[in-house]
C-alpha atoms as a PDB file:
ATOM      1  CA  UNK A   1       0.000   0.000   0.000  1.00  0.00           C
ATOM      2  CA  UNK A   2       1.328   3.423  -0.880  1.00  0.00           C
ATOM      3  CA  UNK A   3       2.313   5.706   2.000  1.00  0.00           C
ATOM      4  CA  UNK A   4      -0.354   8.254   1.135  1.00  0.00           C
ATOM      5  CA  UNK A   5      -3.196   5.740   1.188  1.00  0.00           C
ATOM      6  CA  UNK A   6      -1.997   4.216   4.454  1.00  0.00           C
ATOM      7  CA  UNK A   7      -1.881   7.649   6.102  1.00  0.00           C
ATOM      8  CA  UNK A   8      -5.409   8.328   4.891  1.00  0.00           C
ATOM      9  CA  UNK A   9      -6.543   4.998   6.351  1.00  0.00           C
ATOM     10  CA  UNK A  10      -4.929   5.764   9.714  1.00  0.00           C
ATOM     11  CA  UNK A  11      -6.448   9.229   9.905  1.00  0.00           C
ATOM     12  CA  UNK A  12      -9.876   7.975   8.852  1.00  0.00           C
ATOM     13  CA  UNK A  13      -9.940   5.475  11.691  1.00  0.00           C
ATOM     14  CA  UNK A  14      -8.602   8.042  14.169  1.00  0.00           C
ATOM     15  CA  UNK A  15     -11.293  10.560  13.295  1.00  0.00           C
ATOM     16  CA  UNK A  16     -14.004   7.933  13.796  1.00  0.00           C
ATOM     17  CA  UNK A  17     -12.606   6.691  17.114  1.00  0.00           C
ATOM     18  CA  UNK A  18     -14.401   9.079  19.470  1.00  0.00           C
ATOM     19  CA  UNK A  19     -17.052   7.270  21.436  1.00  0.00           C
ATOM     20  CA  UNK A  20     -18.016   5.950  24.859  1.00  0.00           C
ATOM     21  CA  UNK A  21     -15.452   4.453  27.185  1.00  0.00           C
ATOM     22  CA  UNK A  22     -15.940   0.757  27.764  1.00  0.00           C
ATOM     23  CA  UNK A  23     -14.716  -0.582  31.115  1.00  0.00           C
ATOM     24  CA  UNK A  24     -12.423  -3.532  30.574  1.00  0.00           C
ATOM     25  CA  UNK A  25     -12.446  -6.521  32.936  1.00  0.00           C
ATOM     26  CA  UNK A  26      -9.352  -6.998  35.052  1.00  0.00           C
ATOM     27  CA  UNK A  27      -9.040 -10.629  34.053  1.00  0.00           C
ATOM     28  CA  UNK A  28     -10.113 -12.932  31.266  1.00  0.00           C
ATOM     29  CA  UNK A  29      -9.829 -16.611  30.436  1.00  0.00           C
ATOM     30  CA  UNK A  30      -7.837 -15.648  27.324  1.00  0.00           C
ATOM     31  CA  UNK A  31      -5.538 -13.210  29.105  1.00  0.00           C
ATOM     32  CA  UNK A  32      -2.688 -15.491  30.093  1.00  0.00           C
ATOM     33  CA  UNK A  33      -0.493 -13.858  32.746  1.00  0.00           C
ATOM     34  CA  UNK A  34      -2.642 -10.817  33.515  1.00  0.00           C
ATOM     35  CA  UNK A  35      -1.596  -8.907  36.595  1.00  0.00           C
ATOM     36  CA  UNK A  36       1.887 -10.436  36.698  1.00  0.00           C
ATOM     37  CA  UNK A  37       4.740  -7.937  36.553  1.00  0.00           C
ATOM     38  CA  UNK A  38       7.962  -9.229  35.024  1.00  0.00           C
ATOM     39  CA  UNK A  39      10.728  -7.951  32.786  1.00  0.00           C
ATOM     40  CA  UNK A  40       9.541  -8.743  29.251  1.00  0.00           C
ATOM     41  CA  UNK A  41      11.607 -11.236  27.266  1.00  0.00           C
ATOM     42  CA  UNK A  42      11.625  -8.857  24.305  1.00  0.00           C
ATOM     43  CA  UNK A  43      13.701  -6.330  26.281  1.00  0.00           C
ATOM     44  CA  UNK A  44      16.681  -8.709  25.929  1.00  0.00           C
ATOM     45  CA  UNK A  45      18.113  -7.768  29.353  1.00  0.00           C
ATOM     46  CA  UNK A  46      18.050  -4.032  28.555  1.00  0.00           C
ATOM     47  CA  UNK A  47      16.191  -1.824  31.024  1.00  0.00           C
ATOM     48  CA  UNK A  48      12.605  -1.084  29.904  1.00  0.00           C
ATOM     49  CA  UNK A  49       9.702   0.804  31.445  1.00  0.00           C
ATOM     50  CA  UNK A  50       7.738  -1.249  33.949  1.00  0.00           C
ATOM     51  CA  UNK A  51       4.164  -2.130  33.067  1.00  0.00           C
ATOM     52  CA  UNK A  52       1.367  -4.520  33.908  1.00  0.00           C
ATOM     53  CA  UNK A  53      -0.909  -6.154  31.348  1.00  0.00           C
ATOM     54  CA  UNK A  54      -4.423  -5.582  32.707  1.00  0.00           C
ATOM     55  CA  UNK A  55      -6.362  -6.943  29.735  1.00  0.00           C
ATOM     56  CA  UNK A  56      -5.529  -8.807  26.561  1.00  0.00           C
ATOM     57  CA  UNK A  57      -7.317  -9.677  23.326  1.00  0.00           C
ATOM     58  CA  UNK A  58      -6.158 -11.322  20.134  1.00  0.00           C
ATOM     59  CA  UNK A  59      -5.520  -7.861  18.676  1.00  0.00           C
ATOM     60  CA  UNK A  60      -3.960  -5.850  21.508  1.00  0.00           C
ATOM     61  CA  UNK A  61      -2.926  -5.560  25.152  1.00  0.00           C
ATOM     62  CA  UNK A  62      -4.045  -2.941  27.645  1.00  0.00           C
ATOM     63  CA  UNK A  63      -0.953  -1.966  29.633  1.00  0.00           C
ATOM     64  CA  UNK A  64      -0.736   0.053  32.829  1.00  0.00           C
ATOM     65  CA  UNK A  65       2.669   1.765  32.973  1.00  0.00           C
ATOM     66  CA  UNK A  66       4.431   3.224  35.993  1.00  0.00           C
ATOM     67  CA  UNK A  67       5.482   6.874  35.918  1.00  0.00           C
ATOM     68  CA  UNK A  68       8.419   7.267  33.539  1.00  0.00           C
ATOM     69  CA  UNK A  69      11.022   9.771  32.377  1.00  0.00           C
ATOM     70  CA  UNK A  70      12.090  10.169  28.751  1.00  0.00           C
ATOM     71  CA  UNK A  71      14.730  12.155  26.905  1.00  0.00           C
ATOM     72  CA  UNK A  72      12.940  13.388  23.807  1.00  0.00           C
ATOM     73  CA  UNK A  73      13.536  15.441  20.684  1.00  0.00           C
ATOM     74  CA  UNK A  74      11.030  16.818  18.190  1.00  0.00           C
ATOM     75  CA  UNK A  75      11.468  16.688  14.420  1.00  0.00           C
ATOM     76  CA  UNK A  76       9.112  17.718  11.629  1.00  0.00           C
ATOM     77  CA  UNK A  77       9.632  16.066   8.273  1.00  0.00           C
ATOM     78  CA  UNK A  78       7.928  14.236   5.425  1.00  0.00           C
ATOM     79  CA  UNK A  79      10.618  11.540   5.614  1.00  0.00           C
ATOM     80  CA  UNK A  80      10.072   9.010   8.426  1.00  0.00           C
ATOM     81  CA  UNK A  81      13.510   7.382   8.137  1.00  0.00           C
ATOM     82  CA  UNK A  82      15.337  10.705   8.074  1.00  0.00           C
ATOM     83  CA  UNK A  83      13.490  11.910  11.158  1.00  0.00           C
ATOM     84  CA  UNK A  84      14.118   8.695  13.077  1.00  0.00           C
ATOM     85  CA  UNK A  85      17.832   8.629  12.243  1.00  0.00           C
ATOM     86  CA  UNK A  86      18.316  12.288  13.125  1.00  0.00           C
ATOM     87  CA  UNK A  87      16.377  11.935  16.379  1.00  0.00           C
ATOM     88  CA  UNK A  88      18.211   8.761  17.340  1.00  0.00           C
ATOM     89  CA  UNK A  89      21.624  10.354  16.841  1.00  0.00           C
ATOM     90  CA  UNK A  90      20.717  13.428  18.908  1.00  0.00           C
ATOM     91  CA  UNK A  91      19.642  11.191  21.787  1.00  0.00           C
ATOM     92  CA  UNK A  92      22.538   8.778  21.383  1.00  0.00           C
ATOM     93  CA  UNK A  93      24.947  11.701  21.683  1.00  0.00           C
ATOM     94  CA  UNK A  94      23.108  12.789  24.833  1.00  0.00           C
ATOM     95  CA  UNK A  95      23.542   9.417  26.552  1.00  0.00           C
ATOM     96  CA  UNK A  96      27.129   9.201  25.273  1.00  0.00           C
ATOM     97  CA  UNK A  97      28.174  12.238  27.303  1.00  0.00           C
ATOM     98  CA  UNK A  98      26.727  15.320  25.617  1.00  0.00           C
ATOM     99  CA  UNK A  99      25.019  16.422  28.822  1.00  0.00           C
ATOM    100  CA  UNK A 100      25.915  18.927  31.545  1.00  0.00           C
ATOM    101  CA  UNK A 101      27.472  16.232  33.729  1.00  0.00           C
ATOM    102  CA  UNK A 102      29.416  14.768  30.783  1.00  0.00           C
ATOM    103  CA  UNK A 103      28.495  11.261  31.891  1.00  0.00           C
ATOM    104  CA  UNK A 104      27.424   8.204  29.950  1.00  0.00           C
ATOM    105  CA  UNK A 105      23.908   6.885  30.446  1.00  0.00           C
ATOM    106  CA  UNK A 106      23.077   3.236  29.695  1.00  0.00           C
ATOM    107  CA  UNK A 107      21.077   2.468  26.581  1.00  0.00           C
ATOM    108  CA  UNK A 108      17.512   1.382  27.244  1.00  0.00           C
ATOM    109  CA  UNK A 109      14.519   0.161  25.278  1.00  0.00           C
ATOM    110  CA  UNK A 110      12.310   0.959  23.552  1.00  0.00           C
ATOM    111  CA  UNK A 111      13.274   3.779  21.244  1.00  0.00           C
ATOM    112  CA  UNK A 112       9.891   5.455  21.021  1.00  0.00           C
ATOM    113  CA  UNK A 113       8.575   7.538  18.146  1.00  0.00           C
ATOM    114  CA  UNK A 114       5.421   9.542  18.836  1.00  0.00           C
ATOM    115  CA  UNK A 115       3.858  10.357  15.490  1.00  0.00           C
ATOM    116  CA  UNK A 116       1.434  13.173  14.767  1.00  0.00           C
ATOM    117  CA  UNK A 117       0.590  12.665  11.073  1.00  0.00           C
ATOM    118  CA  UNK A 118       0.623  15.626   8.726  1.00  0.00           C
ATOM    119  CA  UNK A 119      -2.568  16.925   7.153  1.00  0.00           C
ATOM    120  CA  UNK A 120      -1.819  15.173   3.846  1.00  0.00           C
ATOM    121  CA  UNK A 121       0.661  12.853   2.114  1.00  0.00           C
ATOM    122  CA  UNK A 122       2.986  15.728   1.182  1.00  0.00           C
ATOM    123  CA  UNK A 123       2.753  17.535   4.533  1.00  0.00           C
ATOM    124  CA  UNK A 124       5.356  17.208   7.272  1.00  0.00           C
ATOM    125  CA  UNK A 125       4.525  14.991  10.222  1.00  0.00           C
ATOM    126  CA  UNK A 126       5.728  15.586  13.765  1.00  0.00           C
ATOM    127  CA  UNK A 127       7.996  12.951  15.307  1.00  0.00           C
ATOM    128  CA  UNK A 128       8.895  12.967  18.995  1.00  0.00           C
ATOM    129  CA  UNK A 129      11.784  10.501  19.246  1.00  0.00           C
ATOM    130  CA  UNK A 130      12.488   9.382  22.815  1.00  0.00           C
ATOM    131  CA  UNK A 131      14.886   7.286  24.898  1.00  0.00           C
ATOM    132  CA  UNK A 132      13.653   5.907  28.210  1.00  0.00           C
ATOM    133  CA  UNK A 133      15.747   7.319  31.068  1.00  0.00           C
ATOM    134  CA  UNK A 134      17.078   4.525  33.333  1.00  0.00           C
ATOM    135  CA  UNK A 135      15.571   4.353  36.820  1.00  0.00           C
ATOM    136  CA  UNK A 136      18.898   5.250  38.441  1.00  0.00           C
ATOM    137  CA  UNK A 137      18.863   8.639  36.647  1.00  0.00           C
ATOM    138  CA  UNK A 138      15.169   9.498  36.800  1.00  0.00           C
ATOM    139  CA  UNK A 139      15.193  11.554  39.995  1.00  0.00           C
ATOM    140  CA  UNK A 140      17.728  13.979  38.525  1.00  0.00           C
ATOM    141  CA  UNK A 141      18.424  13.299  34.846  1.00  0.00           C
ATOM    142  CA  UNK A 142      21.556  14.958  33.435  1.00  0.00           C
ATOM    143  CA  UNK A 143      20.513  18.114  31.608  1.00  0.00           C
ATOM    144  CA  UNK A 144      21.062  17.954  27.843  1.00  0.00           C
ATOM    145  CA  UNK A 145      23.549  20.353  26.278  1.00  0.00           C
ATOM    146  CA  UNK A 146      21.634  20.076  22.995  1.00  0.00           C
ATOM    147  CA  UNK A 147      18.770  22.585  23.103  1.00  0.00           C
ATOM    148  CA  UNK A 148      16.655  20.339  20.859  1.00  0.00           C
ATOM    149  CA  UNK A 149      16.468  17.670  23.602  1.00  0.00           C
ATOM    150  CA  UNK A 150      14.161  17.947  26.603  1.00  0.00           C
ATOM    151  CA  UNK A 151      13.361  15.738  29.582  1.00  0.00           C
ATOM    152  CA  UNK A 152       9.763  14.560  29.604  1.00  0.00           C
ATOM    153  CA  UNK A 153       8.106  13.206  32.753  1.00  0.00           C
ATOM    154  CA  UNK A 154       5.019  11.071  32.282  1.00  0.00           C
ATOM    155  CA  UNK A 155       2.650  10.138  35.084  1.00  0.00           C
ATOM    156  CA  UNK A 156       1.411   6.570  35.409  1.00  0.00           C
ATOM    157  CA  UNK A 157      -0.581   5.925  32.241  1.00  0.00           C
ATOM    158  CA  UNK A 158      -2.395   3.354  30.147  1.00  0.00           C
ATOM    159  CA  UNK A 159      -1.647   2.384  26.563  1.00  0.00           C
ATOM    160  CA  UNK A 160      -3.331   0.077  24.065  1.00  0.00           C
ATOM    161  CA  UNK A 161      -0.533  -1.918  22.444  1.00  0.00           C
ATOM    162  CA  UNK A 162      -0.290  -4.112  19.337  1.00  0.00           C
ATOM    163  CA  UNK A 163       2.852  -6.157  18.715  1.00  0.00           C
ATOM    164  CA  UNK A 164       4.750  -7.601  15.773  1.00  0.00           C
ATOM    165  CA  UNK A 165       8.066  -9.125  14.784  1.00  0.00           C
ATOM    166  CA  UNK A 166      10.687  -8.615  12.100  1.00  0.00           C
ATOM    167  CA  UNK A 167      12.103  -5.497  10.472  1.00  0.00           C
ATOM    168  CA  UNK A 168       9.317  -2.908  10.370  1.00  0.00           C
ATOM    169  CA  UNK A 169       9.425  -0.089   7.867  1.00  0.00           C
ATOM    170  CA  UNK A 170       7.244   3.011   7.776  1.00  0.00           C
ATOM    171  CA  UNK A 171       4.400   1.262   5.959  1.00  0.00           C
ATOM    172  CA  UNK A 172       4.457  -1.622   8.439  1.00  0.00           C
ATOM    173  CA  UNK A 173       4.030   0.688  11.411  1.00  0.00           C
ATOM    174  CA  UNK A 174       1.281   2.711   9.736  1.00  0.00           C
ATOM    175  CA  UNK A 175      -0.628  -0.435   8.794  1.00  0.00           C
ATOM    176  CA  UNK A 176      -0.263  -1.744  12.351  1.00  0.00           C
ATOM    177  CA  UNK A 177      -1.505   1.574  13.778  1.00  0.00           C
ATOM    178  CA  UNK A 178      -4.517   1.546  11.454  1.00  0.00           C
ATOM    179  CA  UNK A 179      -5.312  -2.057  12.387  1.00  0.00           C
ATOM    180  CA  UNK A 180      -5.038  -1.301  16.105  1.00  0.00           C
ATOM    181  CA  UNK A 181      -7.263   1.766  15.747  1.00  0.00           C
ATOM    182  CA  UNK A 182      -9.864  -0.355  13.961  1.00  0.00           C
ATOM    183  CA  UNK A 183      -9.778  -2.985  16.716  1.00  0.00           C
ATOM    184  CA  UNK A 184     -10.168  -0.408  19.492  1.00  0.00           C
ATOM    185  CA  UNK A 185     -13.011   1.314  17.681  1.00  0.00           C
ATOM    186  CA  UNK A 186     -14.757  -2.014  17.107  1.00  0.00           C
ATOM    187  CA  UNK A 187     -14.498  -2.707  20.853  1.00  0.00           C
ATOM    188  CA  UNK A 188     -16.049   0.669  21.689  1.00  0.00           C
ATOM    189  CA  UNK A 189     -12.912   2.063  23.327  1.00  0.00           C
ATOM    190  CA  UNK A 190     -11.927   5.725  23.431  1.00  0.00           C
ATOM    191  CA  UNK A 191      -8.270   6.575  22.848  1.00  0.00           C
ATOM    192  CA  UNK A 192      -6.173   9.638  22.079  1.00  0.00           C
ATOM    193  CA  UNK A 193      -6.873  10.025  18.365  1.00  0.00           C
ATOM    194  CA  UNK A 194      -4.397  12.857  17.753  1.00  0.00           C
ATOM    195  CA  UNK A 195      -1.219  10.784  17.847  1.00  0.00           C
ATOM    196  CA  UNK A 196       0.187   7.273  17.994  1.00  0.00           C
ATOM    197  CA  UNK A 197       3.497   5.679  18.948  1.00  0.00           C
ATOM    198  CA  UNK A 198       5.964   3.261  17.424  1.00  0.00           C
ATOM    199  CA  UNK A 199       8.218   1.444  19.900  1.00  0.00           C
ATOM    200  CA  UNK A 200      11.272  -0.413  18.607  1.00  0.00           C
ATOM    201  CA  UNK A 201      13.229  -2.674  20.940  1.00  0.00           C
ATOM    202  CA  UNK A 202      16.143  -3.907  18.846  1.00  0.00           C
ATOM    203  CA  UNK A 203      19.397  -2.654  17.326  1.00  0.00           C
ATOM    204  CA  UNK A 204      19.795  -3.029  13.556  1.00  0.00           C
ATOM    205  CA  UNK A 205      22.208  -5.943  13.947  1.00  0.00           C
ATOM    206  CA  UNK A 206      19.655  -8.187  15.707  1.00  0.00           C
ATOM    207  CA  UNK A 207      18.347 -10.420  12.946  1.00  0.00           C
ATOM    208  CA  UNK A 208      15.974 -12.696  14.877  1.00  0.00           C
ATOM    209  CA  UNK A 209      13.486 -12.269  17.725  1.00  0.00           C
ATOM    210  CA  UNK A 210      12.917  -8.632  16.796  1.00  0.00           C
ATOM    211  CA  UNK A 211      10.028  -6.956  18.603  1.00  0.00           C
ATOM    212  CA  UNK A 212       7.971  -3.963  17.466  1.00  0.00           C
ATOM    213  CA  UNK A 213       4.929  -2.249  18.922  1.00  0.00           C
ATOM    214  CA  UNK A 214       2.392   0.448  18.135  1.00  0.00           C
ATOM    215  CA  UNK A 215       0.626   2.246  20.982  1.00  0.00           C
ATOM    216  CA  UNK A 216      -2.419   4.426  21.420  1.00  0.00           C
ATOM    217  CA  UNK A 217      -2.763   6.320  24.672  1.00  0.00           C
ATOM    218  CA  UNK A 218      -5.836   6.087  26.855  1.00  0.00           C
ATOM    219  CA  UNK A 219      -7.594   9.447  27.430  1.00  0.00           C
ATOM    220  CA  UNK A 220      -6.544   9.833  31.083  1.00  0.00           C
ATOM    221  CA  UNK A 221      -2.804   9.753  30.340  1.00  0.00           C
ATOM    222  CA  UNK A 222      -0.906  12.997  30.899  1.00  0.00           C
ATOM    223  CA  UNK A 223       2.691  14.162  30.601  1.00  0.00           C
ATOM    224  CA  UNK A 224       4.790  17.162  31.602  1.00  0.00           C
ATOM    225  CA  UNK A 225       7.965  18.487  30.062  1.00  0.00           C
ATOM    226  CA  UNK A 226      10.947  20.176  31.696  1.00  0.00           C
END
Protein backbone atom coordinates (compact mmCIF):
# COMPACT_ATOMS: atom_id res chain seq x y z
CA UNK A 1 0.00 0.00 0.00
CA UNK A 2 1.33 3.42 -0.88
CA UNK A 3 2.31 5.71 2.00
CA UNK A 4 -0.35 8.25 1.13
CA UNK A 5 -3.20 5.74 1.19
CA UNK A 6 -2.00 4.22 4.45
CA UNK A 7 -1.88 7.65 6.10
CA UNK A 8 -5.41 8.33 4.89
CA UNK A 9 -6.54 5.00 6.35
CA UNK A 10 -4.93 5.76 9.71
CA UNK A 11 -6.45 9.23 9.90
CA UNK A 12 -9.88 7.98 8.85
CA UNK A 13 -9.94 5.47 11.69
CA UNK A 14 -8.60 8.04 14.17
CA UNK A 15 -11.29 10.56 13.30
CA UNK A 16 -14.00 7.93 13.80
CA UNK A 17 -12.61 6.69 17.11
CA UNK A 18 -14.40 9.08 19.47
CA UNK A 19 -17.05 7.27 21.44
CA UNK A 20 -18.02 5.95 24.86
CA UNK A 21 -15.45 4.45 27.18
CA UNK A 22 -15.94 0.76 27.76
CA UNK A 23 -14.72 -0.58 31.12
CA UNK A 24 -12.42 -3.53 30.57
CA UNK A 25 -12.45 -6.52 32.94
CA UNK A 26 -9.35 -7.00 35.05
CA UNK A 27 -9.04 -10.63 34.05
CA UNK A 28 -10.11 -12.93 31.27
CA UNK A 29 -9.83 -16.61 30.44
CA UNK A 30 -7.84 -15.65 27.32
CA UNK A 31 -5.54 -13.21 29.10
CA UNK A 32 -2.69 -15.49 30.09
CA UNK A 33 -0.49 -13.86 32.75
CA UNK A 34 -2.64 -10.82 33.52
CA UNK A 35 -1.60 -8.91 36.59
CA UNK A 36 1.89 -10.44 36.70
CA UNK A 37 4.74 -7.94 36.55
CA UNK A 38 7.96 -9.23 35.02
CA UNK A 39 10.73 -7.95 32.79
CA UNK A 40 9.54 -8.74 29.25
CA UNK A 41 11.61 -11.24 27.27
CA UNK A 42 11.62 -8.86 24.30
CA UNK A 43 13.70 -6.33 26.28
CA UNK A 44 16.68 -8.71 25.93
CA UNK A 45 18.11 -7.77 29.35
CA UNK A 46 18.05 -4.03 28.56
CA UNK A 47 16.19 -1.82 31.02
CA UNK A 48 12.60 -1.08 29.90
CA UNK A 49 9.70 0.80 31.44
CA UNK A 50 7.74 -1.25 33.95
CA UNK A 51 4.16 -2.13 33.07
CA UNK A 52 1.37 -4.52 33.91
CA UNK A 53 -0.91 -6.15 31.35
CA UNK A 54 -4.42 -5.58 32.71
CA UNK A 55 -6.36 -6.94 29.74
CA UNK A 56 -5.53 -8.81 26.56
CA UNK A 57 -7.32 -9.68 23.33
CA UNK A 58 -6.16 -11.32 20.13
CA UNK A 59 -5.52 -7.86 18.68
CA UNK A 60 -3.96 -5.85 21.51
CA UNK A 61 -2.93 -5.56 25.15
CA UNK A 62 -4.04 -2.94 27.65
CA UNK A 63 -0.95 -1.97 29.63
CA UNK A 64 -0.74 0.05 32.83
CA UNK A 65 2.67 1.77 32.97
CA UNK A 66 4.43 3.22 35.99
CA UNK A 67 5.48 6.87 35.92
CA UNK A 68 8.42 7.27 33.54
CA UNK A 69 11.02 9.77 32.38
CA UNK A 70 12.09 10.17 28.75
CA UNK A 71 14.73 12.16 26.91
CA UNK A 72 12.94 13.39 23.81
CA UNK A 73 13.54 15.44 20.68
CA UNK A 74 11.03 16.82 18.19
CA UNK A 75 11.47 16.69 14.42
CA UNK A 76 9.11 17.72 11.63
CA UNK A 77 9.63 16.07 8.27
CA UNK A 78 7.93 14.24 5.43
CA UNK A 79 10.62 11.54 5.61
CA UNK A 80 10.07 9.01 8.43
CA UNK A 81 13.51 7.38 8.14
CA UNK A 82 15.34 10.70 8.07
CA UNK A 83 13.49 11.91 11.16
CA UNK A 84 14.12 8.69 13.08
CA UNK A 85 17.83 8.63 12.24
CA UNK A 86 18.32 12.29 13.12
CA UNK A 87 16.38 11.94 16.38
CA UNK A 88 18.21 8.76 17.34
CA UNK A 89 21.62 10.35 16.84
CA UNK A 90 20.72 13.43 18.91
CA UNK A 91 19.64 11.19 21.79
CA UNK A 92 22.54 8.78 21.38
CA UNK A 93 24.95 11.70 21.68
CA UNK A 94 23.11 12.79 24.83
CA UNK A 95 23.54 9.42 26.55
CA UNK A 96 27.13 9.20 25.27
CA UNK A 97 28.17 12.24 27.30
CA UNK A 98 26.73 15.32 25.62
CA UNK A 99 25.02 16.42 28.82
CA UNK A 100 25.92 18.93 31.54
CA UNK A 101 27.47 16.23 33.73
CA UNK A 102 29.42 14.77 30.78
CA UNK A 103 28.50 11.26 31.89
CA UNK A 104 27.42 8.20 29.95
CA UNK A 105 23.91 6.89 30.45
CA UNK A 106 23.08 3.24 29.69
CA UNK A 107 21.08 2.47 26.58
CA UNK A 108 17.51 1.38 27.24
CA UNK A 109 14.52 0.16 25.28
CA UNK A 110 12.31 0.96 23.55
CA UNK A 111 13.27 3.78 21.24
CA UNK A 112 9.89 5.46 21.02
CA UNK A 113 8.57 7.54 18.15
CA UNK A 114 5.42 9.54 18.84
CA UNK A 115 3.86 10.36 15.49
CA UNK A 116 1.43 13.17 14.77
CA UNK A 117 0.59 12.67 11.07
CA UNK A 118 0.62 15.63 8.73
CA UNK A 119 -2.57 16.92 7.15
CA UNK A 120 -1.82 15.17 3.85
CA UNK A 121 0.66 12.85 2.11
CA UNK A 122 2.99 15.73 1.18
CA UNK A 123 2.75 17.53 4.53
CA UNK A 124 5.36 17.21 7.27
CA UNK A 125 4.53 14.99 10.22
CA UNK A 126 5.73 15.59 13.77
CA UNK A 127 8.00 12.95 15.31
CA UNK A 128 8.89 12.97 19.00
CA UNK A 129 11.78 10.50 19.25
CA UNK A 130 12.49 9.38 22.81
CA UNK A 131 14.89 7.29 24.90
CA UNK A 132 13.65 5.91 28.21
CA UNK A 133 15.75 7.32 31.07
CA UNK A 134 17.08 4.53 33.33
CA UNK A 135 15.57 4.35 36.82
CA UNK A 136 18.90 5.25 38.44
CA UNK A 137 18.86 8.64 36.65
CA UNK A 138 15.17 9.50 36.80
CA UNK A 139 15.19 11.55 39.99
CA UNK A 140 17.73 13.98 38.52
CA UNK A 141 18.42 13.30 34.85
CA UNK A 142 21.56 14.96 33.43
CA UNK A 143 20.51 18.11 31.61
CA UNK A 144 21.06 17.95 27.84
CA UNK A 145 23.55 20.35 26.28
CA UNK A 146 21.63 20.08 23.00
CA UNK A 147 18.77 22.58 23.10
CA UNK A 148 16.65 20.34 20.86
CA UNK A 149 16.47 17.67 23.60
CA UNK A 150 14.16 17.95 26.60
CA UNK A 151 13.36 15.74 29.58
CA UNK A 152 9.76 14.56 29.60
CA UNK A 153 8.11 13.21 32.75
CA UNK A 154 5.02 11.07 32.28
CA UNK A 155 2.65 10.14 35.08
CA UNK A 156 1.41 6.57 35.41
CA UNK A 157 -0.58 5.92 32.24
CA UNK A 158 -2.40 3.35 30.15
CA UNK A 159 -1.65 2.38 26.56
CA UNK A 160 -3.33 0.08 24.07
CA UNK A 161 -0.53 -1.92 22.44
CA UNK A 162 -0.29 -4.11 19.34
CA UNK A 163 2.85 -6.16 18.72
CA UNK A 164 4.75 -7.60 15.77
CA UNK A 165 8.07 -9.13 14.78
CA UNK A 166 10.69 -8.62 12.10
CA UNK A 167 12.10 -5.50 10.47
CA UNK A 168 9.32 -2.91 10.37
CA UNK A 169 9.42 -0.09 7.87
CA UNK A 170 7.24 3.01 7.78
CA UNK A 171 4.40 1.26 5.96
CA UNK A 172 4.46 -1.62 8.44
CA UNK A 173 4.03 0.69 11.41
CA UNK A 174 1.28 2.71 9.74
CA UNK A 175 -0.63 -0.43 8.79
CA UNK A 176 -0.26 -1.74 12.35
CA UNK A 177 -1.50 1.57 13.78
CA UNK A 178 -4.52 1.55 11.45
CA UNK A 179 -5.31 -2.06 12.39
CA UNK A 180 -5.04 -1.30 16.11
CA UNK A 181 -7.26 1.77 15.75
CA UNK A 182 -9.86 -0.36 13.96
CA UNK A 183 -9.78 -2.98 16.72
CA UNK A 184 -10.17 -0.41 19.49
CA UNK A 185 -13.01 1.31 17.68
CA UNK A 186 -14.76 -2.01 17.11
CA UNK A 187 -14.50 -2.71 20.85
CA UNK A 188 -16.05 0.67 21.69
CA UNK A 189 -12.91 2.06 23.33
CA UNK A 190 -11.93 5.72 23.43
CA UNK A 191 -8.27 6.57 22.85
CA UNK A 192 -6.17 9.64 22.08
CA UNK A 193 -6.87 10.03 18.36
CA UNK A 194 -4.40 12.86 17.75
CA UNK A 195 -1.22 10.78 17.85
CA UNK A 196 0.19 7.27 17.99
CA UNK A 197 3.50 5.68 18.95
CA UNK A 198 5.96 3.26 17.42
CA UNK A 199 8.22 1.44 19.90
CA UNK A 200 11.27 -0.41 18.61
CA UNK A 201 13.23 -2.67 20.94
CA UNK A 202 16.14 -3.91 18.85
CA UNK A 203 19.40 -2.65 17.33
CA UNK A 204 19.80 -3.03 13.56
CA UNK A 205 22.21 -5.94 13.95
CA UNK A 206 19.65 -8.19 15.71
CA UNK A 207 18.35 -10.42 12.95
CA UNK A 208 15.97 -12.70 14.88
CA UNK A 209 13.49 -12.27 17.72
CA UNK A 210 12.92 -8.63 16.80
CA UNK A 211 10.03 -6.96 18.60
CA UNK A 212 7.97 -3.96 17.47
CA UNK A 213 4.93 -2.25 18.92
CA UNK A 214 2.39 0.45 18.14
CA UNK A 215 0.63 2.25 20.98
CA UNK A 216 -2.42 4.43 21.42
CA UNK A 217 -2.76 6.32 24.67
CA UNK A 218 -5.84 6.09 26.85
CA UNK A 219 -7.59 9.45 27.43
CA UNK A 220 -6.54 9.83 31.08
CA UNK A 221 -2.80 9.75 30.34
CA UNK A 222 -0.91 13.00 30.90
CA UNK A 223 2.69 14.16 30.60
CA UNK A 224 4.79 17.16 31.60
CA UNK A 225 7.96 18.49 30.06
CA UNK A 226 10.95 20.18 31.70
